Structure formats: C-alpha cells, structure tokens
N, C-alpha and C. Protein backbone atom coordinates (compact mmCIF):
# COMPACT_ATOMS: atom_id res chain seq x y z
N UNK A 1 10.02 -96.69 -55.18
CA UNK A 1 10.63 -96.77 -56.50
C UNK A 1 10.14 -98.04 -57.19
N UNK A 2 9.83 -97.92 -58.44
CA UNK A 2 9.27 -99.04 -59.20
C UNK A 2 10.37 -99.86 -59.85
N UNK A 3 11.18 -100.53 -59.07
CA UNK A 3 12.25 -101.35 -59.62
C UNK A 3 13.59 -100.64 -59.59
N UNK A 4 14.61 -101.38 -59.95
CA UNK A 4 15.98 -100.87 -59.90
C UNK A 4 16.37 -100.16 -61.20
N UNK A 5 17.13 -99.08 -61.04
CA UNK A 5 17.70 -98.36 -62.18
C UNK A 5 19.01 -99.07 -62.53
N UNK A 6 19.19 -99.46 -63.79
CA UNK A 6 20.46 -100.08 -64.16
C UNK A 6 21.55 -99.01 -64.26
N UNK A 7 22.55 -99.11 -63.41
CA UNK A 7 23.59 -98.07 -63.40
C UNK A 7 24.94 -98.55 -63.92
N UNK A 8 25.00 -99.75 -64.47
CA UNK A 8 26.22 -100.16 -65.17
C UNK A 8 26.21 -99.43 -66.50
N UNK A 9 27.23 -98.66 -66.77
CA UNK A 9 27.29 -97.86 -67.99
C UNK A 9 27.47 -98.72 -69.23
N UNK A 10 26.93 -98.22 -70.34
CA UNK A 10 27.18 -98.87 -71.63
C UNK A 10 28.65 -98.77 -72.02
N UNK A 11 29.39 -97.90 -71.37
CA UNK A 11 30.82 -97.75 -71.62
C UNK A 11 31.68 -98.75 -70.86
N UNK A 12 31.06 -99.67 -70.13
CA UNK A 12 31.79 -100.69 -69.38
C UNK A 12 31.80 -102.00 -70.17
N UNK A 13 32.96 -102.63 -70.20
CA UNK A 13 33.12 -103.94 -70.83
C UNK A 13 33.60 -104.94 -69.79
N UNK A 14 33.24 -106.19 -69.98
CA UNK A 14 33.74 -107.26 -69.13
C UNK A 14 35.00 -107.86 -69.75
N UNK A 15 35.41 -109.04 -69.30
CA UNK A 15 36.63 -109.67 -69.81
C UNK A 15 36.65 -109.90 -71.32
N UNK A 16 35.49 -110.11 -71.95
CA UNK A 16 35.48 -110.27 -73.41
C UNK A 16 35.79 -108.97 -74.14
N UNK A 17 35.72 -107.85 -73.41
CA UNK A 17 36.02 -106.56 -74.01
C UNK A 17 34.88 -105.94 -74.78
N UNK A 18 33.65 -106.41 -74.56
CA UNK A 18 32.49 -105.92 -75.31
C UNK A 18 31.76 -104.85 -74.49
N UNK A 19 31.76 -103.62 -75.02
CA UNK A 19 31.03 -102.54 -74.37
C UNK A 19 29.54 -102.88 -74.32
N UNK A 20 28.90 -102.44 -73.29
CA UNK A 20 27.46 -102.56 -73.06
C UNK A 20 27.02 -103.98 -72.66
N UNK A 21 27.82 -104.99 -72.89
CA UNK A 21 27.39 -106.35 -72.57
C UNK A 21 27.06 -106.52 -71.08
N UNK A 22 27.87 -105.97 -70.14
CA UNK A 22 27.48 -106.09 -68.73
C UNK A 22 26.15 -105.40 -68.42
N UNK A 23 25.90 -104.25 -69.03
CA UNK A 23 24.62 -103.56 -68.80
C UNK A 23 23.46 -104.38 -69.36
N UNK A 24 23.64 -104.90 -70.56
CA UNK A 24 22.60 -105.74 -71.16
C UNK A 24 22.26 -106.90 -70.23
N UNK A 25 23.27 -107.63 -69.78
CA UNK A 25 23.07 -108.77 -68.87
C UNK A 25 22.32 -108.33 -67.62
N UNK A 26 22.74 -107.20 -67.03
CA UNK A 26 22.11 -106.76 -65.78
C UNK A 26 20.64 -106.39 -65.98
N UNK A 27 20.33 -105.72 -67.10
CA UNK A 27 18.94 -105.34 -67.34
C UNK A 27 18.05 -106.56 -67.56
N UNK A 28 18.51 -107.51 -68.35
CA UNK A 28 17.70 -108.71 -68.61
C UNK A 28 17.54 -109.52 -67.33
N UNK A 29 18.60 -109.62 -66.55
CA UNK A 29 18.53 -110.36 -65.29
C UNK A 29 17.59 -109.68 -64.30
N UNK A 30 17.69 -108.36 -64.17
CA UNK A 30 16.78 -107.64 -63.28
C UNK A 30 15.33 -107.81 -63.73
N UNK A 31 15.11 -107.76 -65.04
CA UNK A 31 13.76 -107.93 -65.56
C UNK A 31 13.22 -109.34 -65.25
N UNK A 32 14.08 -110.34 -65.43
CA UNK A 32 13.66 -111.72 -65.17
C UNK A 32 13.28 -111.91 -63.70
N UNK A 33 13.89 -111.14 -62.83
CA UNK A 33 13.62 -111.23 -61.39
C UNK A 33 12.53 -110.25 -60.96
N UNK A 34 11.94 -109.51 -61.93
CA UNK A 34 10.91 -108.54 -61.60
C UNK A 34 11.45 -107.31 -60.89
N UNK A 35 12.73 -107.01 -61.09
CA UNK A 35 13.37 -105.92 -60.37
C UNK A 35 13.76 -104.73 -61.24
N UNK A 36 13.58 -104.80 -62.56
CA UNK A 36 13.99 -103.71 -63.45
C UNK A 36 12.96 -102.58 -63.38
N UNK A 37 13.45 -101.36 -63.28
CA UNK A 37 12.58 -100.19 -63.25
C UNK A 37 11.68 -100.21 -64.48
N UNK A 38 10.44 -99.85 -64.29
CA UNK A 38 9.43 -99.93 -65.35
C UNK A 38 9.73 -99.04 -66.55
N UNK A 39 10.55 -98.02 -66.40
CA UNK A 39 10.88 -97.14 -67.51
C UNK A 39 12.02 -97.65 -68.38
N UNK A 40 12.61 -98.77 -68.02
CA UNK A 40 13.76 -99.32 -68.75
C UNK A 40 13.37 -100.62 -69.45
N UNK A 41 13.66 -100.72 -70.74
CA UNK A 41 13.39 -102.00 -71.41
C UNK A 41 14.48 -103.02 -71.07
N UNK A 42 14.09 -104.26 -70.91
CA UNK A 42 15.08 -105.31 -70.68
C UNK A 42 15.97 -105.46 -71.90
N UNK A 43 15.36 -105.35 -73.07
CA UNK A 43 16.10 -105.48 -74.33
C UNK A 43 15.49 -104.53 -75.33
N UNK A 44 16.11 -103.38 -75.46
CA UNK A 44 15.59 -102.35 -76.35
C UNK A 44 16.17 -102.43 -77.76
N UNK A 45 15.79 -101.46 -78.56
CA UNK A 45 16.18 -101.43 -79.97
C UNK A 45 17.53 -100.77 -80.20
N UNK A 46 18.10 -100.12 -79.21
CA UNK A 46 19.35 -99.40 -79.39
C UNK A 46 20.58 -100.25 -79.15
N UNK A 47 21.33 -99.93 -78.10
CA UNK A 47 22.57 -100.64 -77.80
C UNK A 47 22.35 -102.13 -77.58
N UNK A 48 21.22 -102.50 -76.97
CA UNK A 48 20.93 -103.92 -76.74
C UNK A 48 20.91 -104.68 -78.07
N UNK A 49 20.17 -104.15 -79.03
CA UNK A 49 20.09 -104.80 -80.34
C UNK A 49 21.43 -104.77 -81.05
N UNK A 50 22.18 -103.68 -80.90
CA UNK A 50 23.51 -103.59 -81.52
C UNK A 50 24.42 -104.70 -81.00
N UNK A 51 24.35 -104.97 -79.70
CA UNK A 51 25.18 -106.02 -79.10
C UNK A 51 24.77 -107.39 -79.61
N UNK A 52 23.48 -107.66 -79.63
CA UNK A 52 23.02 -108.96 -80.12
C UNK A 52 23.48 -109.19 -81.56
N UNK A 53 23.26 -108.20 -82.41
CA UNK A 53 23.65 -108.33 -83.82
C UNK A 53 25.16 -108.39 -83.98
N UNK A 54 25.88 -107.54 -83.26
CA UNK A 54 27.33 -107.48 -83.37
C UNK A 54 28.03 -108.75 -82.94
N UNK A 55 27.40 -109.49 -82.02
CA UNK A 55 27.99 -110.73 -81.52
C UNK A 55 27.36 -111.96 -82.15
N UNK A 56 26.43 -111.75 -83.07
CA UNK A 56 25.79 -112.87 -83.74
C UNK A 56 24.95 -113.73 -82.81
N UNK A 57 24.27 -113.09 -81.86
CA UNK A 57 23.46 -113.81 -80.89
C UNK A 57 21.98 -113.76 -81.26
N UNK A 58 21.30 -114.88 -81.09
CA UNK A 58 19.86 -114.93 -81.28
C UNK A 58 19.19 -114.27 -80.07
N UNK A 59 18.35 -113.30 -80.34
CA UNK A 59 17.71 -112.53 -79.26
C UNK A 59 16.92 -113.44 -78.32
N UNK A 60 16.02 -114.24 -78.87
CA UNK A 60 15.17 -115.08 -78.02
C UNK A 60 15.97 -116.07 -77.19
N UNK A 61 16.97 -116.68 -77.80
CA UNK A 61 17.81 -117.64 -77.08
C UNK A 61 18.60 -116.96 -75.97
N UNK A 62 19.09 -115.76 -76.25
CA UNK A 62 19.89 -115.03 -75.26
C UNK A 62 19.02 -114.62 -74.08
N UNK A 63 17.86 -114.07 -74.36
CA UNK A 63 16.96 -113.66 -73.28
C UNK A 63 16.51 -114.87 -72.47
N UNK A 64 16.22 -115.97 -73.14
CA UNK A 64 15.80 -117.18 -72.44
C UNK A 64 16.93 -117.73 -71.56
N UNK A 65 18.15 -117.71 -72.08
CA UNK A 65 19.28 -118.21 -71.27
C UNK A 65 19.40 -117.43 -69.97
N UNK A 66 19.36 -116.11 -70.07
CA UNK A 66 19.49 -115.30 -68.86
C UNK A 66 18.30 -115.51 -67.94
N UNK A 67 17.10 -115.46 -68.49
CA UNK A 67 15.89 -115.61 -67.67
C UNK A 67 15.79 -116.97 -67.00
N UNK A 68 16.14 -118.01 -67.73
CA UNK A 68 15.99 -119.37 -67.21
C UNK A 68 17.12 -119.80 -66.28
N UNK A 69 18.31 -119.21 -66.46
CA UNK A 69 19.48 -119.70 -65.73
C UNK A 69 20.06 -118.74 -64.71
N UNK A 70 19.65 -117.48 -64.74
CA UNK A 70 20.22 -116.46 -63.83
C UNK A 70 21.73 -116.59 -63.72
N UNK A 71 22.44 -116.54 -64.85
CA UNK A 71 23.89 -116.75 -64.79
C UNK A 71 24.62 -115.57 -64.14
N UNK A 72 25.75 -115.88 -63.53
CA UNK A 72 26.65 -114.81 -63.12
C UNK A 72 27.18 -114.16 -64.40
N UNK A 73 27.82 -113.01 -64.27
CA UNK A 73 28.32 -112.38 -65.49
C UNK A 73 29.37 -113.25 -66.20
N UNK A 74 30.34 -113.84 -65.48
CA UNK A 74 31.29 -114.72 -66.18
C UNK A 74 30.61 -115.91 -66.86
N UNK A 75 29.58 -116.46 -66.25
CA UNK A 75 28.83 -117.55 -66.89
C UNK A 75 28.15 -117.05 -68.16
N UNK A 76 27.61 -115.84 -68.12
CA UNK A 76 26.97 -115.28 -69.30
C UNK A 76 27.99 -115.07 -70.41
N UNK A 77 29.15 -114.53 -70.09
CA UNK A 77 30.17 -114.34 -71.13
C UNK A 77 30.61 -115.67 -71.74
N UNK A 78 30.70 -116.71 -70.92
CA UNK A 78 31.06 -118.03 -71.45
C UNK A 78 29.97 -118.50 -72.42
N UNK A 79 28.71 -118.27 -72.07
CA UNK A 79 27.61 -118.65 -72.95
C UNK A 79 27.67 -117.84 -74.25
N UNK A 80 27.94 -116.55 -74.15
CA UNK A 80 28.06 -115.69 -75.33
C UNK A 80 29.16 -116.21 -76.25
N UNK A 81 30.29 -116.57 -75.67
CA UNK A 81 31.41 -117.10 -76.46
C UNK A 81 31.04 -118.39 -77.17
N UNK A 82 30.27 -119.23 -76.50
CA UNK A 82 29.88 -120.51 -77.09
C UNK A 82 28.74 -120.40 -78.10
N UNK A 83 27.90 -119.37 -77.96
CA UNK A 83 26.70 -119.28 -78.78
C UNK A 83 26.69 -118.14 -79.79
N UNK A 84 27.66 -117.24 -79.66
CA UNK A 84 27.74 -116.13 -80.60
C UNK A 84 28.60 -116.47 -81.80
N UNK A 85 28.67 -115.51 -82.69
CA UNK A 85 29.49 -115.66 -83.89
C UNK A 85 30.22 -114.35 -84.10
N UNK A 86 31.42 -114.25 -83.51
CA UNK A 86 32.17 -112.99 -83.57
C UNK A 86 33.66 -113.25 -83.38
N UNK A 87 34.44 -112.28 -83.80
CA UNK A 87 35.89 -112.30 -83.58
C UNK A 87 36.29 -110.93 -83.06
N UNK A 88 37.59 -110.71 -82.88
CA UNK A 88 38.04 -109.44 -82.32
C UNK A 88 37.68 -108.26 -83.22
N UNK A 89 37.71 -108.46 -84.52
CA UNK A 89 37.34 -107.38 -85.44
C UNK A 89 35.87 -106.99 -85.24
N UNK A 90 35.00 -107.97 -85.02
CA UNK A 90 33.59 -107.68 -84.78
C UNK A 90 33.40 -106.93 -83.46
N UNK A 91 34.16 -107.33 -82.44
CA UNK A 91 34.10 -106.64 -81.14
C UNK A 91 34.58 -105.21 -81.30
N UNK A 92 35.68 -105.02 -82.01
CA UNK A 92 36.20 -103.67 -82.22
C UNK A 92 35.20 -102.78 -82.95
N UNK A 93 34.54 -103.34 -83.96
CA UNK A 93 33.54 -102.57 -84.71
C UNK A 93 32.35 -102.24 -83.82
N UNK A 94 31.87 -103.21 -83.07
CA UNK A 94 30.74 -102.98 -82.17
C UNK A 94 31.08 -101.90 -81.14
N UNK A 95 32.25 -102.00 -80.54
CA UNK A 95 32.66 -101.01 -79.54
C UNK A 95 32.76 -99.62 -80.15
N UNK A 96 33.28 -99.53 -81.35
CA UNK A 96 33.36 -98.23 -82.03
C UNK A 96 31.97 -97.68 -82.33
N UNK A 97 31.06 -98.56 -82.74
CA UNK A 97 29.68 -98.14 -83.02
C UNK A 97 29.01 -97.63 -81.75
N UNK A 98 29.21 -98.30 -80.64
CA UNK A 98 28.62 -97.88 -79.37
C UNK A 98 29.24 -96.56 -78.92
N UNK A 99 30.55 -96.49 -78.93
CA UNK A 99 31.25 -95.27 -78.48
C UNK A 99 30.93 -94.08 -79.37
N UNK A 100 30.69 -94.31 -80.63
CA UNK A 100 30.47 -93.24 -81.57
C UNK A 100 29.02 -92.85 -81.78
N UNK A 101 28.10 -93.50 -81.08
CA UNK A 101 26.68 -93.21 -81.30
C UNK A 101 26.27 -91.96 -80.54
N UNK A 102 25.59 -91.06 -81.22
CA UNK A 102 25.07 -89.83 -80.62
C UNK A 102 23.55 -89.85 -80.66
N UNK A 103 22.94 -89.37 -79.58
CA UNK A 103 21.49 -89.21 -79.56
C UNK A 103 21.09 -88.04 -80.45
N UNK A 104 19.82 -88.03 -80.86
CA UNK A 104 19.31 -86.90 -81.62
C UNK A 104 19.23 -85.66 -80.71
N UNK A 105 19.05 -84.50 -81.32
CA UNK A 105 19.06 -83.24 -80.58
C UNK A 105 18.00 -83.18 -79.48
N UNK A 106 16.81 -83.65 -79.76
CA UNK A 106 15.73 -83.60 -78.77
C UNK A 106 16.03 -84.48 -77.56
N UNK A 107 16.53 -85.68 -77.82
CA UNK A 107 16.87 -86.59 -76.72
C UNK A 107 17.99 -86.00 -75.87
N UNK A 108 19.02 -85.50 -76.54
CA UNK A 108 20.14 -84.88 -75.82
C UNK A 108 19.65 -83.72 -74.97
N UNK A 109 18.83 -82.84 -75.56
CA UNK A 109 18.33 -81.68 -74.83
C UNK A 109 17.49 -82.06 -73.63
N UNK A 110 16.68 -83.09 -73.78
CA UNK A 110 15.83 -83.56 -72.69
C UNK A 110 16.65 -84.11 -71.54
N UNK A 111 17.63 -84.94 -71.85
CA UNK A 111 18.48 -85.54 -70.81
C UNK A 111 19.28 -84.47 -70.09
N UNK A 112 19.91 -83.58 -70.85
CA UNK A 112 20.70 -82.52 -70.23
C UNK A 112 19.82 -81.58 -69.41
N UNK A 113 18.67 -81.23 -69.95
CA UNK A 113 17.76 -80.34 -69.23
C UNK A 113 17.31 -80.91 -67.91
N UNK A 114 16.99 -82.20 -67.89
CA UNK A 114 16.55 -82.84 -66.64
C UNK A 114 17.65 -82.79 -65.58
N UNK A 115 18.91 -82.85 -66.04
CA UNK A 115 20.03 -82.82 -65.11
C UNK A 115 20.54 -81.41 -64.82
N UNK A 116 19.88 -80.41 -65.42
CA UNK A 116 20.28 -79.03 -65.18
C UNK A 116 21.59 -78.64 -65.84
N UNK A 117 21.88 -79.26 -66.98
CA UNK A 117 23.12 -79.00 -67.70
C UNK A 117 22.79 -78.28 -69.00
N UNK A 118 23.49 -77.17 -69.25
CA UNK A 118 23.29 -76.45 -70.50
C UNK A 118 23.73 -77.31 -71.68
N UNK A 119 22.96 -77.28 -72.73
CA UNK A 119 23.30 -78.02 -73.95
C UNK A 119 24.21 -77.14 -74.80
N UNK A 120 25.49 -77.15 -74.46
CA UNK A 120 26.46 -76.32 -75.17
C UNK A 120 27.23 -77.10 -76.23
N UNK A 121 26.79 -78.33 -76.50
CA UNK A 121 27.44 -79.13 -77.52
C UNK A 121 28.65 -79.91 -77.04
N UNK A 122 28.95 -79.86 -75.74
CA UNK A 122 30.14 -80.54 -75.24
C UNK A 122 29.87 -82.01 -74.88
N UNK A 123 28.60 -82.38 -74.70
CA UNK A 123 28.25 -83.77 -74.41
C UNK A 123 27.33 -84.24 -75.52
N UNK A 124 27.85 -85.04 -76.41
CA UNK A 124 27.07 -85.50 -77.56
C UNK A 124 26.82 -87.01 -77.55
N UNK A 125 27.75 -87.78 -76.99
CA UNK A 125 27.66 -89.24 -77.13
C UNK A 125 26.60 -89.83 -76.23
N UNK A 126 25.93 -90.85 -76.75
CA UNK A 126 24.83 -91.49 -76.06
C UNK A 126 25.27 -92.19 -74.78
N UNK A 127 26.50 -92.71 -74.73
CA UNK A 127 26.95 -93.39 -73.52
C UNK A 127 26.92 -92.43 -72.34
N UNK A 128 27.53 -91.26 -72.48
CA UNK A 128 27.56 -90.31 -71.37
C UNK A 128 26.18 -89.71 -71.11
N UNK A 129 25.41 -89.46 -72.14
CA UNK A 129 24.06 -88.96 -71.93
C UNK A 129 23.20 -89.99 -71.19
N UNK A 130 23.33 -91.25 -71.55
CA UNK A 130 22.58 -92.29 -70.86
C UNK A 130 23.03 -92.41 -69.40
N UNK A 131 24.33 -92.24 -69.15
CA UNK A 131 24.82 -92.23 -67.76
C UNK A 131 24.12 -91.13 -66.98
N UNK A 132 24.10 -89.93 -67.53
CA UNK A 132 23.44 -88.80 -66.85
C UNK A 132 21.97 -89.11 -66.59
N UNK A 133 21.32 -89.69 -67.56
CA UNK A 133 19.91 -90.04 -67.41
C UNK A 133 19.71 -91.06 -66.29
N UNK A 134 20.55 -92.09 -66.27
CA UNK A 134 20.47 -93.10 -65.21
C UNK A 134 20.68 -92.48 -63.84
N UNK A 135 21.68 -91.64 -63.73
CA UNK A 135 22.00 -91.04 -62.43
C UNK A 135 20.89 -90.09 -61.98
N UNK A 136 20.30 -89.37 -62.93
CA UNK A 136 19.17 -88.50 -62.62
C UNK A 136 18.00 -89.35 -62.10
N UNK A 137 17.68 -90.41 -62.82
CA UNK A 137 16.56 -91.27 -62.42
C UNK A 137 16.82 -91.96 -61.07
N UNK A 138 18.04 -92.39 -60.85
CA UNK A 138 18.38 -93.00 -59.56
C UNK A 138 18.16 -91.99 -58.44
N UNK A 139 18.67 -90.80 -58.60
CA UNK A 139 18.54 -89.76 -57.59
C UNK A 139 17.07 -89.42 -57.35
N UNK A 140 16.32 -89.24 -58.45
CA UNK A 140 14.91 -88.89 -58.32
C UNK A 140 14.12 -89.99 -57.60
N UNK A 141 14.48 -91.23 -57.87
CA UNK A 141 13.78 -92.35 -57.24
C UNK A 141 14.06 -92.50 -55.76
N UNK A 142 15.15 -91.93 -55.32
CA UNK A 142 15.50 -92.01 -53.89
C UNK A 142 14.80 -90.94 -53.07
N UNK A 143 14.19 -89.99 -53.75
CA UNK A 143 13.41 -88.96 -53.06
C UNK A 143 14.15 -87.81 -52.52
C-alpha cells in the first residue's frame, strides 16, 4: 500500500467542535511524515480549504506549523485557537456548510459504484460518500 488512508471522517469534530478539523490535521501530519496515501491530498480544495477559510487560518502558516512541529491534536487545536479568527457563529456556519455539501452526480455515482451500492438517491452528502470512498480504498489496499 502506498501510504496510509485517512479514515477520520469529515463528520468528526474535536473539542473545538469543528467538523473535518481532525481529518485535516491527520492528513497534513501523515503527509509531513511521508505516510499519506498518494491518492489523497494533504490539503485539497474542498473541505480542507473550507476549514482554513472558515476559521480564518493562513494556509501556509497552518501547513508549516503541522509539518514543523508534529503537534498532537490538542496542541493543534490550541494553535488554531491562537492563530485563527473565528467565533461560535463561524464554527456553526462552517459545520453546516460541511454537513450540507453534496458531491456532483458523477462523483457520487463513481463512489457508490466502487462500493457496490445502487445510486438510489438515498446517499447524497459528501461526508458519507467520502467515508465510503475511504473504507473502499482501505479495504482494497489491504488486498
């Protein structure tokens, strides 16, 4: 297997209550250690960028902090609190944006098809579709 599959769901929040933040931290940390699966971006344009913008974090500074310091998750949240610009309303909006995001039809069909699930319209949200994709890739990588 070419690196680790990040299996922390975007639907998971840490003590700050921010969805996707634990997954973001884990992907960047795995990448910094050379352990992230090659098919996964350490910091992509989707949920990763939404979190950075929603919390008022500078992308380069955030990536450098994780890469240079290998913080534990609580240490990372403390850094986010000190370096971001957000309040509870911003967290609530970000979480709603993440929870409410749906993939396009082609992406949804591809993910469901790979997992052998009929696309009957019952699974639309990107969080659950991404979970299915991660679990499929983890299973496939184990042989």
